[in-house]
Amino acid sequence: MTKKQRVLKILEVFNQLYKEAECSLDYQDPLQLLISTQLAAQCTDARVNMVTETLFKKYKDVHDFASADLKELEQDIKSTGFYRNKAHNIINCCKMLIEKYDGRVPGTLEDLLKLPGVGRKTANLVLGDIFNIPGIVVDTHARRLSQRIGLTQNDDPKKIEFDLMEVVPKKDWGKFCHQLVYHGRAVCNARKPKCGECAISEYCDYQKKNTI
């Protein structure tokens, strides 16, 4: 069975188990998703949601973030980790949005990647969830599961992204990545995957290698 064929089988299973899979970050508009995703680097979505519940009440729009006091914003987001870099990037990102994009989040990969603190993961998530432009979001779950399943042998997120683009139908790119997150949390966790409970184990290289 080719990788493409395995992915189609996996999608059949995931579409039953995780039909409603979606981004687990809480947001109300494109800017909030952009900022939440930046905060989620090296941090859990649950922690980010706790922080943004009050953060987005204090900073209501792009102008509030652009004019924020750096030290104050650092304290507001401190529990997400790497808060100094994140605060610096968020302020400069919002300044650039005002200066170059009329205060709006742009809808192209090229423009999103120009923003401070925005990498391919963040850009692809925003494109998929806000603009309905398919993209592969390689977070820790997508990287771990795609390696275990055998869809990539790479460790670099960009290379993994392109590997998955080759075997996952384009229309399913965003949904598949959200489903990988759900499956990673529920079954294929980092320390001890529950292979005996896994509904896609017959399509997974890791399970085969560890049951021989």
N, C-alpha and C. Protein backbone atom coordinates (compact mmCIF):
# COMPACT_ATOMS: atom_id res chain seq x y z
N MET A 1 0.84 -1.20 0.00
CA MET A 1 0.00 0.00 0.00
C MET A 1 0.88 1.25 0.00
N THR A 2 0.64 2.16 -0.93
CA THR A 2 1.43 3.39 -1.01
C THR A 2 1.06 4.34 0.14
N LYS A 3 1.89 5.36 0.32
CA LYS A 3 1.61 6.35 1.36
C LYS A 3 0.29 7.06 1.08
N LYS A 4 0.03 7.38 -0.17
CA LYS A 4 -1.21 8.05 -0.53
C LYS A 4 -2.42 7.18 -0.20
N GLN A 5 -2.29 5.89 -0.48
CA GLN A 5 -3.39 4.96 -0.19
C GLN A 5 -3.61 4.83 1.31
N ARG A 6 -2.51 4.80 2.06
CA ARG A 6 -2.63 4.71 3.52
C ARG A 6 -3.31 5.97 4.08
N VAL A 7 -2.94 7.11 3.55
CA VAL A 7 -3.55 8.36 4.02
C VAL A 7 -5.05 8.36 3.77
N LEU A 8 -5.46 7.87 2.62
CA LEU A 8 -6.90 7.82 2.32
C LEU A 8 -7.64 6.93 3.31
N LYS A 9 -7.01 5.81 3.69
CA LYS A 9 -7.61 4.91 4.68
C LYS A 9 -7.66 5.59 6.05
N ILE A 10 -6.57 6.27 6.40
CA ILE A 10 -6.52 6.98 7.67
C ILE A 10 -7.58 8.07 7.72
N LEU A 11 -7.75 8.78 6.62
CA LEU A 11 -8.77 9.83 6.56
C LEU A 11 -10.17 9.26 6.76
N GLU A 12 -10.42 8.08 6.22
CA GLU A 12 -11.72 7.44 6.41
C GLU A 12 -11.99 7.22 7.90
N VAL A 13 -10.96 6.75 8.61
CA VAL A 13 -11.09 6.50 10.05
C VAL A 13 -11.23 7.81 10.81
N PHE A 14 -10.35 8.75 10.51
CA PHE A 14 -10.38 10.03 11.20
C PHE A 14 -11.69 10.79 10.99
N ASN A 15 -12.25 10.66 9.79
CA ASN A 15 -13.50 11.36 9.51
C ASN A 15 -14.67 10.79 10.30
N GLN A 16 -14.51 9.59 10.80
CA GLN A 16 -15.50 9.00 11.70
C GLN A 16 -15.23 9.41 13.15
N LEU A 17 -13.95 9.32 13.53
CA LEU A 17 -13.58 9.59 14.93
C LEU A 17 -13.52 11.08 15.26
N TYR A 18 -12.99 11.86 14.33
CA TYR A 18 -12.74 13.27 14.60
C TYR A 18 -13.38 14.14 13.52
N LYS A 19 -14.61 13.87 13.26
CA LYS A 19 -15.34 14.58 12.19
C LYS A 19 -15.39 16.08 12.45
N GLU A 20 -15.47 16.45 13.72
CA GLU A 20 -15.60 17.87 14.07
C GLU A 20 -14.26 18.50 14.47
N ALA A 21 -13.16 17.86 14.14
CA ALA A 21 -11.85 18.38 14.52
C ALA A 21 -11.64 19.80 14.00
N GLU A 22 -11.18 20.66 14.89
CA GLU A 22 -10.92 22.05 14.52
C GLU A 22 -9.82 22.60 15.41
N CYS A 23 -9.40 23.81 15.12
CA CYS A 23 -8.36 24.46 15.92
C CYS A 23 -8.83 24.57 17.36
N SER A 24 -7.97 24.22 18.30
CA SER A 24 -8.35 24.25 19.72
C SER A 24 -7.99 25.56 20.41
N LEU A 25 -7.51 26.52 19.64
CA LEU A 25 -7.27 27.85 20.18
C LEU A 25 -8.56 28.66 20.12
N ASP A 26 -8.82 29.44 21.16
CA ASP A 26 -10.03 30.27 21.21
C ASP A 26 -9.73 31.63 20.56
N TYR A 27 -10.56 32.01 19.60
CA TYR A 27 -10.37 33.30 18.95
C TYR A 27 -11.68 33.78 18.33
N GLN A 28 -11.76 35.09 18.13
CA GLN A 28 -12.96 35.68 17.57
C GLN A 28 -12.71 36.33 16.20
N ASP A 29 -11.46 36.56 15.87
CA ASP A 29 -11.15 37.21 14.60
C ASP A 29 -9.74 36.81 14.14
N PRO A 30 -9.38 37.17 12.92
CA PRO A 30 -8.07 36.77 12.38
C PRO A 30 -6.89 37.20 13.24
N LEU A 31 -6.94 38.42 13.79
CA LEU A 31 -5.83 38.90 14.61
C LEU A 31 -5.67 38.06 15.86
N GLN A 32 -6.77 37.71 16.50
CA GLN A 32 -6.69 36.89 17.71
C GLN A 32 -6.09 35.52 17.40
N LEU A 33 -6.45 34.93 16.27
CA LEU A 33 -5.85 33.64 15.92
C LEU A 33 -4.36 33.80 15.65
N LEU A 34 -3.99 34.87 14.95
CA LEU A 34 -2.58 35.12 14.66
C LEU A 34 -1.77 35.24 15.94
N ILE A 35 -2.27 35.99 16.89
CA ILE A 35 -1.55 36.19 18.16
C ILE A 35 -1.57 34.91 19.00
N SER A 36 -2.70 34.25 19.06
CA SER A 36 -2.79 33.00 19.84
C SER A 36 -1.81 31.95 19.33
N THR A 37 -1.67 31.87 18.02
CA THR A 37 -0.76 30.88 17.44
C THR A 37 0.68 31.21 17.75
N GLN A 38 1.00 32.49 17.77
CA GLN A 38 2.36 32.89 18.17
C GLN A 38 2.61 32.53 19.64
N LEU A 39 1.61 32.75 20.47
CA LEU A 39 1.77 32.41 21.89
C LEU A 39 1.88 30.91 22.10
N ALA A 40 1.32 30.12 21.18
CA ALA A 40 1.29 28.66 21.35
C ALA A 40 2.62 27.98 21.07
N ALA A 41 3.60 28.73 20.58
CA ALA A 41 4.93 28.14 20.35
C ALA A 41 5.51 27.68 21.68
N GLN A 42 5.84 26.39 21.76
CA GLN A 42 6.40 25.80 22.98
C GLN A 42 5.46 25.96 24.17
N CYS A 43 4.16 25.96 23.90
CA CYS A 43 3.16 26.11 24.96
C CYS A 43 1.90 25.37 24.54
N THR A 44 1.15 24.88 25.51
CA THR A 44 -0.08 24.15 25.19
C THR A 44 -1.19 25.13 24.80
N ASP A 45 -2.09 24.65 23.96
CA ASP A 45 -3.24 25.48 23.57
C ASP A 45 -4.10 25.81 24.79
N ALA A 46 -4.20 24.87 25.72
CA ALA A 46 -5.01 25.11 26.92
C ALA A 46 -4.47 26.28 27.72
N ARG A 47 -3.16 26.34 27.88
CA ARG A 47 -2.54 27.45 28.61
C ARG A 47 -2.75 28.76 27.85
N VAL A 48 -2.57 28.73 26.54
CA VAL A 48 -2.76 29.93 25.74
C VAL A 48 -4.19 30.45 25.89
N ASN A 49 -5.16 29.55 25.86
CA ASN A 49 -6.56 29.96 26.00
C ASN A 49 -6.84 30.61 27.35
N MET A 50 -6.16 30.12 28.38
CA MET A 50 -6.30 30.74 29.71
C MET A 50 -5.77 32.17 29.70
N VAL A 51 -4.64 32.35 29.01
CA VAL A 51 -4.02 33.67 28.96
C VAL A 51 -4.83 34.64 28.09
N THR A 52 -5.27 34.16 26.93
CA THR A 52 -5.96 35.07 26.01
C THR A 52 -7.37 35.44 26.46
N GLU A 53 -7.92 34.66 27.39
CA GLU A 53 -9.25 35.00 27.89
C GLU A 53 -9.27 36.40 28.49
N THR A 54 -8.20 36.76 29.18
CA THR A 54 -8.10 38.12 29.73
C THR A 54 -7.31 39.05 28.80
N LEU A 55 -6.35 38.49 28.08
CA LEU A 55 -5.51 39.30 27.19
C LEU A 55 -6.34 40.04 26.15
N PHE A 56 -7.28 39.33 25.54
CA PHE A 56 -8.07 39.94 24.46
C PHE A 56 -9.15 40.90 24.98
N LYS A 57 -9.36 40.91 26.27
CA LYS A 57 -10.24 41.91 26.86
C LYS A 57 -9.45 43.20 27.12
N LYS A 58 -8.17 43.04 27.41
CA LYS A 58 -7.30 44.19 27.68
C LYS A 58 -6.83 44.85 26.39
N TYR A 59 -6.44 44.01 25.41
CA TYR A 59 -5.98 44.52 24.12
C TYR A 59 -7.04 44.11 23.08
N LYS A 60 -7.85 45.07 22.69
CA LYS A 60 -9.04 44.73 21.90
C LYS A 60 -8.83 44.71 20.40
N ASP A 61 -7.77 45.37 19.92
CA ASP A 61 -7.55 45.41 18.47
C ASP A 61 -6.07 45.58 18.16
N VAL A 62 -5.77 45.67 16.88
CA VAL A 62 -4.38 45.73 16.44
C VAL A 62 -3.68 46.98 16.97
N HIS A 63 -4.41 48.08 17.14
CA HIS A 63 -3.80 49.31 17.65
C HIS A 63 -3.43 49.18 19.12
N ASP A 64 -4.25 48.47 19.88
CA ASP A 64 -3.93 48.24 21.29
C ASP A 64 -2.63 47.46 21.45
N PHE A 65 -2.46 46.42 20.63
CA PHE A 65 -1.24 45.61 20.71
C PHE A 65 -0.03 46.40 20.19
N ALA A 66 -0.22 47.16 19.12
CA ALA A 66 0.89 47.92 18.53
C ALA A 66 1.42 48.97 19.50
N SER A 67 0.55 49.52 20.32
CA SER A 67 0.96 50.58 21.26
C SER A 67 1.19 50.06 22.67
N ALA A 68 1.17 48.76 22.84
CA ALA A 68 1.32 48.17 24.17
C ALA A 68 2.70 48.46 24.76
N ASP A 69 2.76 48.58 26.06
CA ASP A 69 4.04 48.68 26.76
C ASP A 69 4.69 47.31 26.77
N LEU A 70 5.92 47.24 26.31
CA LEU A 70 6.60 45.95 26.15
C LEU A 70 6.67 45.18 27.46
N LYS A 71 7.11 45.82 28.52
CA LYS A 71 7.27 45.14 29.80
C LYS A 71 5.92 44.65 30.34
N GLU A 72 4.91 45.45 30.12
CA GLU A 72 3.58 45.08 30.60
C GLU A 72 3.03 43.89 29.82
N LEU A 73 3.22 43.91 28.51
CA LEU A 73 2.75 42.79 27.69
C LEU A 73 3.52 41.52 28.04
N GLU A 74 4.81 41.67 28.33
CA GLU A 74 5.60 40.51 28.74
C GLU A 74 4.98 39.84 29.97
N GLN A 75 4.58 40.63 30.93
CA GLN A 75 3.97 40.07 32.13
C GLN A 75 2.60 39.46 31.84
N ASP A 76 1.87 40.06 30.91
CA ASP A 76 0.54 39.56 30.56
C ASP A 76 0.60 38.16 29.94
N ILE A 77 1.70 37.87 29.25
CA ILE A 77 1.80 36.59 28.53
C ILE A 77 2.89 35.69 29.12
N LYS A 78 3.41 36.04 30.28
CA LYS A 78 4.59 35.37 30.84
C LYS A 78 4.42 33.86 30.96
N SER A 79 3.23 33.41 31.34
CA SER A 79 3.04 31.98 31.59
C SER A 79 3.06 31.13 30.32
N THR A 80 3.10 31.76 29.14
CA THR A 80 3.17 30.98 27.89
C THR A 80 4.62 30.62 27.54
N GLY A 81 5.58 31.16 28.28
CA GLY A 81 6.98 30.87 28.01
C GLY A 81 7.54 31.73 26.88
N PHE A 82 8.87 31.92 26.89
CA PHE A 82 9.55 32.72 25.87
C PHE A 82 8.84 34.07 25.68
N TYR A 83 8.37 34.60 26.79
CA TYR A 83 7.47 35.75 26.74
C TYR A 83 8.14 37.03 26.24
N ARG A 84 9.45 37.16 26.44
CA ARG A 84 10.12 38.37 25.96
C ARG A 84 10.11 38.43 24.43
N ASN A 85 10.50 37.33 23.80
CA ASN A 85 10.49 37.30 22.34
C ASN A 85 9.07 37.41 21.79
N LYS A 86 8.14 36.72 22.44
CA LYS A 86 6.76 36.75 21.96
C LYS A 86 6.16 38.14 22.05
N ALA A 87 6.39 38.83 23.16
CA ALA A 87 5.85 40.18 23.33
C ALA A 87 6.45 41.13 22.30
N HIS A 88 7.76 41.02 22.12
CA HIS A 88 8.45 41.86 21.13
C HIS A 88 7.88 41.63 19.74
N ASN A 89 7.71 40.36 19.37
CA ASN A 89 7.20 40.03 18.05
C ASN A 89 5.75 40.48 17.85
N ILE A 90 4.93 40.29 18.88
CA ILE A 90 3.51 40.67 18.76
C ILE A 90 3.37 42.17 18.52
N ILE A 91 4.10 42.97 19.28
CA ILE A 91 4.03 44.42 19.11
C ILE A 91 4.49 44.83 17.71
N ASN A 92 5.63 44.29 17.28
CA ASN A 92 6.17 44.65 15.96
C ASN A 92 5.31 44.10 14.83
N CYS A 93 4.72 42.93 15.06
CA CYS A 93 3.82 42.35 14.07
C CYS A 93 2.62 43.27 13.86
N CYS A 94 2.05 43.74 14.94
CA CYS A 94 0.86 44.60 14.85
C CYS A 94 1.22 45.97 14.26
N LYS A 95 2.40 46.46 14.55
CA LYS A 95 2.85 47.71 13.92
C LYS A 95 2.94 47.55 12.41
N MET A 96 3.47 46.40 11.96
CA MET A 96 3.59 46.15 10.53
C MET A 96 2.22 45.98 9.88
N LEU A 97 1.29 45.34 10.60
CA LEU A 97 -0.06 45.18 10.07
C LEU A 97 -0.69 46.55 9.81
N ILE A 98 -0.46 47.50 10.71
CA ILE A 98 -1.00 48.85 10.56
C ILE A 98 -0.31 49.60 9.42
N GLU A 99 1.02 49.49 9.38
CA GLU A 99 1.81 50.25 8.40
C GLU A 99 1.65 49.73 6.97
N LYS A 100 1.56 48.39 6.82
CA LYS A 100 1.60 47.83 5.48
C LYS A 100 0.30 47.17 5.02
N TYR A 101 -0.57 46.81 5.97
CA TYR A 101 -1.77 46.05 5.58
C TYR A 101 -3.06 46.67 6.11
N ASP A 102 -3.02 47.98 6.38
CA ASP A 102 -4.22 48.70 6.82
C ASP A 102 -4.84 48.09 8.07
N GLY A 103 -3.98 47.50 8.90
CA GLY A 103 -4.45 46.93 10.17
C GLY A 103 -5.09 45.57 10.06
N ARG A 104 -5.07 45.00 8.86
CA ARG A 104 -5.72 43.70 8.64
C ARG A 104 -4.69 42.58 8.50
N VAL A 105 -5.08 41.38 8.86
CA VAL A 105 -4.22 40.21 8.68
C VAL A 105 -4.25 39.84 7.20
N PRO A 106 -3.09 39.78 6.54
CA PRO A 106 -3.07 39.46 5.10
C PRO A 106 -3.44 38.01 4.82
N GLY A 107 -3.86 37.76 3.60
CA GLY A 107 -4.36 36.43 3.25
C GLY A 107 -3.48 35.65 2.31
N THR A 108 -2.18 35.94 2.28
CA THR A 108 -1.26 35.15 1.47
C THR A 108 -0.10 34.67 2.33
N LEU A 109 0.44 33.53 1.95
CA LEU A 109 1.59 32.97 2.68
C LEU A 109 2.77 33.93 2.64
N GLU A 110 3.02 34.49 1.48
CA GLU A 110 4.16 35.40 1.32
C GLU A 110 4.06 36.59 2.28
N ASP A 111 2.89 37.20 2.37
CA ASP A 111 2.73 38.36 3.24
C ASP A 111 2.77 37.97 4.72
N LEU A 112 2.15 36.87 5.06
CA LEU A 112 2.14 36.42 6.46
C LEU A 112 3.54 36.14 6.96
N LEU A 113 4.38 35.55 6.11
CA LEU A 113 5.74 35.20 6.52
C LEU A 113 6.64 36.42 6.71
N LYS A 114 6.18 37.58 6.25
CA LYS A 114 6.95 38.81 6.45
C LYS A 114 6.74 39.37 7.86
N LEU A 115 5.68 38.92 8.52
CA LEU A 115 5.35 39.46 9.84
C LEU A 115 6.27 38.91 10.92
N PRO A 116 6.75 39.75 11.84
CA PRO A 116 7.60 39.29 12.94
C PRO A 116 6.91 38.19 13.75
N GLY A 117 7.65 37.13 14.02
CA GLY A 117 7.13 36.04 14.85
C GLY A 117 6.24 35.05 14.12
N VAL A 118 6.06 35.24 12.82
CA VAL A 118 5.18 34.34 12.06
C VAL A 118 6.00 33.41 11.18
N GLY A 119 5.89 32.10 11.45
CA GLY A 119 6.54 31.10 10.62
C GLY A 119 5.51 30.37 9.79
N ARG A 120 5.93 29.31 9.14
CA ARG A 120 5.04 28.59 8.23
C ARG A 120 3.87 27.94 8.97
N LYS A 121 4.11 27.45 10.19
CA LYS A 121 3.02 26.82 10.94
C LYS A 121 1.90 27.82 11.21
N THR A 122 2.27 28.97 11.73
CA THR A 122 1.29 30.01 12.02
C THR A 122 0.60 30.48 10.75
N ALA A 123 1.39 30.72 9.72
CA ALA A 123 0.83 31.22 8.46
C ALA A 123 -0.17 30.23 7.86
N ASN A 124 0.19 28.96 7.84
CA ASN A 124 -0.70 27.95 7.25
C ASN A 124 -1.97 27.77 8.07
N LEU A 125 -1.87 27.89 9.38
CA LEU A 125 -3.06 27.78 10.22
C LEU A 125 -4.02 28.94 9.95
N VAL A 126 -3.47 30.14 9.87
CA VAL A 126 -4.30 31.31 9.59
C VAL A 126 -4.93 31.21 8.20
N LEU A 127 -4.15 30.81 7.22
CA LEU A 127 -4.68 30.68 5.86
C LEU A 127 -5.82 29.68 5.80
N GLY A 128 -5.63 28.53 6.47
CA GLY A 128 -6.65 27.49 6.42
C GLY A 128 -7.90 27.83 7.20
N ASP A 129 -7.72 28.33 8.43
CA ASP A 129 -8.87 28.53 9.31
C ASP A 129 -9.58 29.87 9.09
N ILE A 130 -8.89 30.84 8.53
CA ILE A 130 -9.49 32.15 8.31
C ILE A 130 -9.88 32.35 6.84
N PHE A 131 -8.98 31.98 5.94
CA PHE A 131 -9.19 32.27 4.53
C PHE A 131 -9.57 31.04 3.69
N ASN A 132 -9.69 29.90 4.34
CA ASN A 132 -10.05 28.66 3.63
C ASN A 132 -9.08 28.33 2.50
N ILE A 133 -7.82 28.67 2.71
CA ILE A 133 -6.76 28.33 1.76
C ILE A 133 -6.00 27.14 2.33
N PRO A 134 -6.05 25.97 1.68
CA PRO A 134 -5.45 24.77 2.25
C PRO A 134 -3.96 24.94 2.57
N GLY A 135 -3.58 24.43 3.73
CA GLY A 135 -2.18 24.45 4.13
C GLY A 135 -1.91 23.34 5.13
N ILE A 136 -0.68 22.85 5.16
CA ILE A 136 -0.27 21.82 6.12
C ILE A 136 0.34 22.51 7.34
N VAL A 137 -0.25 22.27 8.50
CA VAL A 137 0.24 22.86 9.74
C VAL A 137 1.06 21.82 10.49
N VAL A 138 2.36 22.01 10.54
CA VAL A 138 3.23 21.04 11.19
C VAL A 138 3.55 21.50 12.61
N ASP A 139 2.73 21.03 13.55
CA ASP A 139 3.01 21.27 14.97
C ASP A 139 3.65 20.01 15.55
N THR A 140 3.77 19.95 16.86
CA THR A 140 4.44 18.79 17.47
C THR A 140 3.68 17.49 17.22
N HIS A 141 2.35 17.57 17.19
CA HIS A 141 1.55 16.37 16.94
C HIS A 141 1.72 15.90 15.50
N ALA A 142 1.63 16.81 14.54
CA ALA A 142 1.76 16.45 13.13
C ALA A 142 3.13 15.86 12.85
N ARG A 143 4.15 16.44 13.46
CA ARG A 143 5.50 15.92 13.25
C ARG A 143 5.64 14.52 13.84
N ARG A 144 5.20 14.34 15.07
CA ARG A 144 5.34 13.03 15.73
C ARG A 144 4.55 11.95 15.01
N LEU A 145 3.30 12.23 14.70
CA LEU A 145 2.45 11.21 14.09
C LEU A 145 2.84 10.90 12.65
N SER A 146 3.20 11.92 11.89
CA SER A 146 3.58 11.66 10.50
C SER A 146 4.86 10.83 10.44
N GLN A 147 5.76 11.04 11.41
CA GLN A 147 6.98 10.22 11.49
C GLN A 147 6.65 8.80 11.91
N ARG A 148 5.82 8.64 12.93
CA ARG A 148 5.48 7.31 13.42
C ARG A 148 4.71 6.51 12.37
N ILE A 149 3.76 7.16 11.74
CA ILE A 149 2.97 6.46 10.72
C ILE A 149 3.85 6.03 9.56
N GLY A 150 4.85 6.86 9.26
CA GLY A 150 5.75 6.54 8.16
C GLY A 150 5.50 7.40 6.93
N LEU A 151 4.93 8.57 7.14
CA LEU A 151 4.63 9.47 6.02
C LEU A 151 5.81 10.39 5.73
N THR A 152 6.78 10.45 6.63
CA THR A 152 7.98 11.25 6.43
C THR A 152 9.10 10.66 7.27
N GLN A 153 10.32 10.87 6.81
CA GLN A 153 11.50 10.50 7.59
C GLN A 153 12.26 11.75 8.02
N ASN A 154 11.70 12.89 7.70
CA ASN A 154 12.35 14.17 8.01
C ASN A 154 11.97 14.65 9.40
N ASP A 155 12.82 15.51 9.95
CA ASP A 155 12.55 16.12 11.25
C ASP A 155 12.33 17.62 11.12
N ASP A 156 12.77 18.19 10.02
CA ASP A 156 12.59 19.61 9.77
C ASP A 156 11.13 19.88 9.40
N PRO A 157 10.45 20.79 10.11
CA PRO A 157 9.03 21.04 9.87
C PRO A 157 8.70 21.40 8.42
N LYS A 158 9.54 22.18 7.78
CA LYS A 158 9.27 22.57 6.39
C LYS A 158 9.33 21.36 5.47
N LYS A 159 10.30 20.48 5.69
CA LYS A 159 10.41 19.27 4.87
C LYS A 159 9.24 18.33 5.13
N ILE A 160 8.81 18.25 6.40
CA ILE A 160 7.64 17.43 6.73
C ILE A 160 6.40 17.99 6.03
N GLU A 161 6.27 19.30 6.05
CA GLU A 161 5.14 19.96 5.38
C GLU A 161 5.06 19.54 3.92
N PHE A 162 6.20 19.61 3.23
CA PHE A 162 6.20 19.26 1.81
C PHE A 162 5.99 17.77 1.58
N ASP A 163 6.49 16.94 2.50
CA ASP A 163 6.24 15.49 2.40
C ASP A 163 4.75 15.19 2.51
N LEU A 164 4.08 15.84 3.45
CA LEU A 164 2.65 15.61 3.65
C LEU A 164 1.84 16.18 2.48
N MET A 165 2.29 17.26 1.90
CA MET A 165 1.61 17.82 0.74
C MET A 165 1.58 16.84 -0.42
N GLU A 166 2.59 15.98 -0.48
CA GLU A 166 2.68 15.00 -1.56
C GLU A 166 1.70 13.85 -1.41
N VAL A 167 1.31 13.53 -0.18
CA VAL A 167 0.51 12.31 0.04
C VAL A 167 -0.90 12.57 0.57
N VAL A 168 -1.15 13.77 1.07
CA VAL A 168 -2.48 14.11 1.59
C VAL A 168 -3.23 14.92 0.53
N PRO A 169 -4.46 14.55 0.20
CA PRO A 169 -5.23 15.34 -0.78
C PRO A 169 -5.32 16.80 -0.34
N LYS A 170 -5.12 17.71 -1.27
CA LYS A 170 -5.05 19.13 -0.94
C LYS A 170 -6.28 19.61 -0.18
N LYS A 171 -7.45 19.12 -0.56
CA LYS A 171 -8.69 19.57 0.09
C LYS A 171 -8.74 19.17 1.56
N ASP A 172 -7.91 18.20 1.95
CA ASP A 172 -7.92 17.69 3.32
C ASP A 172 -6.76 18.17 4.16
N TRP A 173 -5.90 19.03 3.62
CA TRP A 173 -4.69 19.43 4.33
C TRP A 173 -4.99 19.96 5.73
N GLY A 174 -5.83 20.97 5.81
CA GLY A 174 -6.11 21.59 7.11
C GLY A 174 -6.81 20.64 8.07
N LYS A 175 -7.82 19.95 7.57
CA LYS A 175 -8.59 19.02 8.41
C LYS A 175 -7.70 17.89 8.93
N PHE A 176 -6.87 17.35 8.06
CA PHE A 176 -6.00 16.24 8.45
C PHE A 176 -5.07 16.64 9.58
N CYS A 177 -4.53 17.85 9.51
CA CYS A 177 -3.62 18.30 10.57
C CYS A 177 -4.34 18.50 11.89
N HIS A 178 -5.56 19.02 11.85
CA HIS A 178 -6.35 19.13 13.08
C HIS A 178 -6.66 17.74 13.64
N GLN A 179 -6.94 16.80 12.76
CA GLN A 179 -7.25 15.43 13.20
C GLN A 179 -6.02 14.76 13.81
N LEU A 180 -4.84 15.05 13.28
CA LEU A 180 -3.61 14.52 13.87
C LEU A 180 -3.44 15.03 15.30
N VAL A 181 -3.79 16.28 15.54
CA VAL A 181 -3.72 16.84 16.89
C VAL A 181 -4.66 16.08 17.83
N TYR A 182 -5.89 15.87 17.39
CA TYR A 182 -6.87 15.15 18.21
C TYR A 182 -6.39 13.74 18.50
N HIS A 183 -5.88 13.06 17.48
CA HIS A 183 -5.43 11.68 17.66
C HIS A 183 -4.17 11.63 18.52
N GLY A 184 -3.30 12.62 18.36
CA GLY A 184 -2.09 12.68 19.18
C GLY A 184 -2.39 12.85 20.65
N ARG A 185 -3.39 13.65 20.95
CA ARG A 185 -3.78 13.87 22.35
C ARG A 185 -4.51 12.66 22.93
N ALA A 186 -5.36 12.05 22.13
CA ALA A 186 -6.21 10.97 22.64
C ALA A 186 -5.51 9.62 22.68
N VAL A 187 -4.68 9.35 21.69
CA VAL A 187 -4.12 7.99 21.54
C VAL A 187 -2.61 7.98 21.37
N CYS A 188 -2.12 8.70 20.37
CA CYS A 188 -0.70 8.60 20.01
C CYS A 188 0.12 9.67 20.72
N ASN A 189 0.12 9.61 22.06
CA ASN A 189 0.85 10.63 22.81
C ASN A 189 2.35 10.40 22.74
N ALA A 190 3.09 11.39 23.18
CA ALA A 190 4.54 11.39 22.99
C ALA A 190 5.25 10.29 23.77
N ARG A 191 4.91 10.12 25.04
CA ARG A 191 5.66 9.20 25.89
C ARG A 191 5.27 7.74 25.71
N LYS A 192 3.97 7.49 25.64
CA LYS A 192 3.53 6.10 25.57
C LYS A 192 2.28 5.98 24.70
N PRO A 193 2.49 5.83 23.38
CA PRO A 193 1.32 5.71 22.49
C PRO A 193 0.50 4.46 22.80
N LYS A 194 -0.81 4.61 22.71
CA LYS A 194 -1.73 3.51 23.01
C LYS A 194 -2.03 2.72 21.74
N CYS A 195 -1.02 2.01 21.25
CA CYS A 195 -1.16 1.30 19.98
C CYS A 195 -2.28 0.26 20.01
N GLY A 196 -2.50 -0.33 21.18
CA GLY A 196 -3.55 -1.33 21.30
C GLY A 196 -4.95 -0.76 21.15
N GLU A 197 -5.07 0.56 21.33
CA GLU A 197 -6.36 1.23 21.22
C GLU A 197 -6.48 2.04 19.93
N CYS A 198 -5.47 1.97 19.08
CA CYS A 198 -5.38 2.85 17.92
C CYS A 198 -6.18 2.31 16.75
N ALA A 199 -7.05 3.14 16.22
CA ALA A 199 -7.92 2.73 15.11
C ALA A 199 -7.22 2.77 13.77
N ILE A 200 -6.00 3.32 13.71
CA ILE A 200 -5.26 3.34 12.44
C ILE A 200 -3.98 2.52 12.53
N SER A 201 -3.90 1.65 13.51
CA SER A 201 -2.66 0.90 13.75
C SER A 201 -2.23 0.06 12.54
N GLU A 202 -3.19 -0.44 11.76
CA GLU A 202 -2.83 -1.29 10.62
C GLU A 202 -2.16 -0.49 9.50
N TYR A 203 -2.24 0.84 9.56
CA TYR A 203 -1.62 1.69 8.55
C TYR A 203 -0.37 2.40 9.07
N CYS A 204 0.10 1.97 10.25
CA CYS A 204 1.16 2.69 10.95
C CYS A 204 2.45 1.87 11.02
N ASP A 205 3.55 2.45 10.59
CA ASP A 205 4.85 1.79 10.65
C ASP A 205 5.29 1.55 12.08
N TYR A 206 5.04 2.50 12.97
CA TYR A 206 5.48 2.40 14.36
C TYR A 206 4.85 1.18 15.02
N GLN A 207 3.57 0.99 14.81
CA GLN A 207 2.87 -0.14 15.42
C GLN A 207 3.44 -1.47 14.91
N LYS A 208 3.74 -1.54 13.62
CA LYS A 208 4.28 -2.77 13.04
C LYS A 208 5.66 -3.07 13.59
N LYS A 209 6.48 -2.04 13.72
CA LYS A 209 7.84 -2.24 14.22
C LYS A 209 7.87 -2.67 15.67
N ASN A 210 6.87 -2.24 16.43
CA ASN A 210 6.85 -2.51 17.85
C ASN A 210 5.99 -3.71 18.26
N THR A 211 5.49 -4.44 17.27
CA THR A 211 4.71 -5.65 17.56
C THR A 211 5.31 -6.88 16.92
N ILE A 212 6.45 -6.69 16.28
CA ILE A 212 7.12 -7.85 15.66
C ILE A 212 7.79 -8.71 16.73
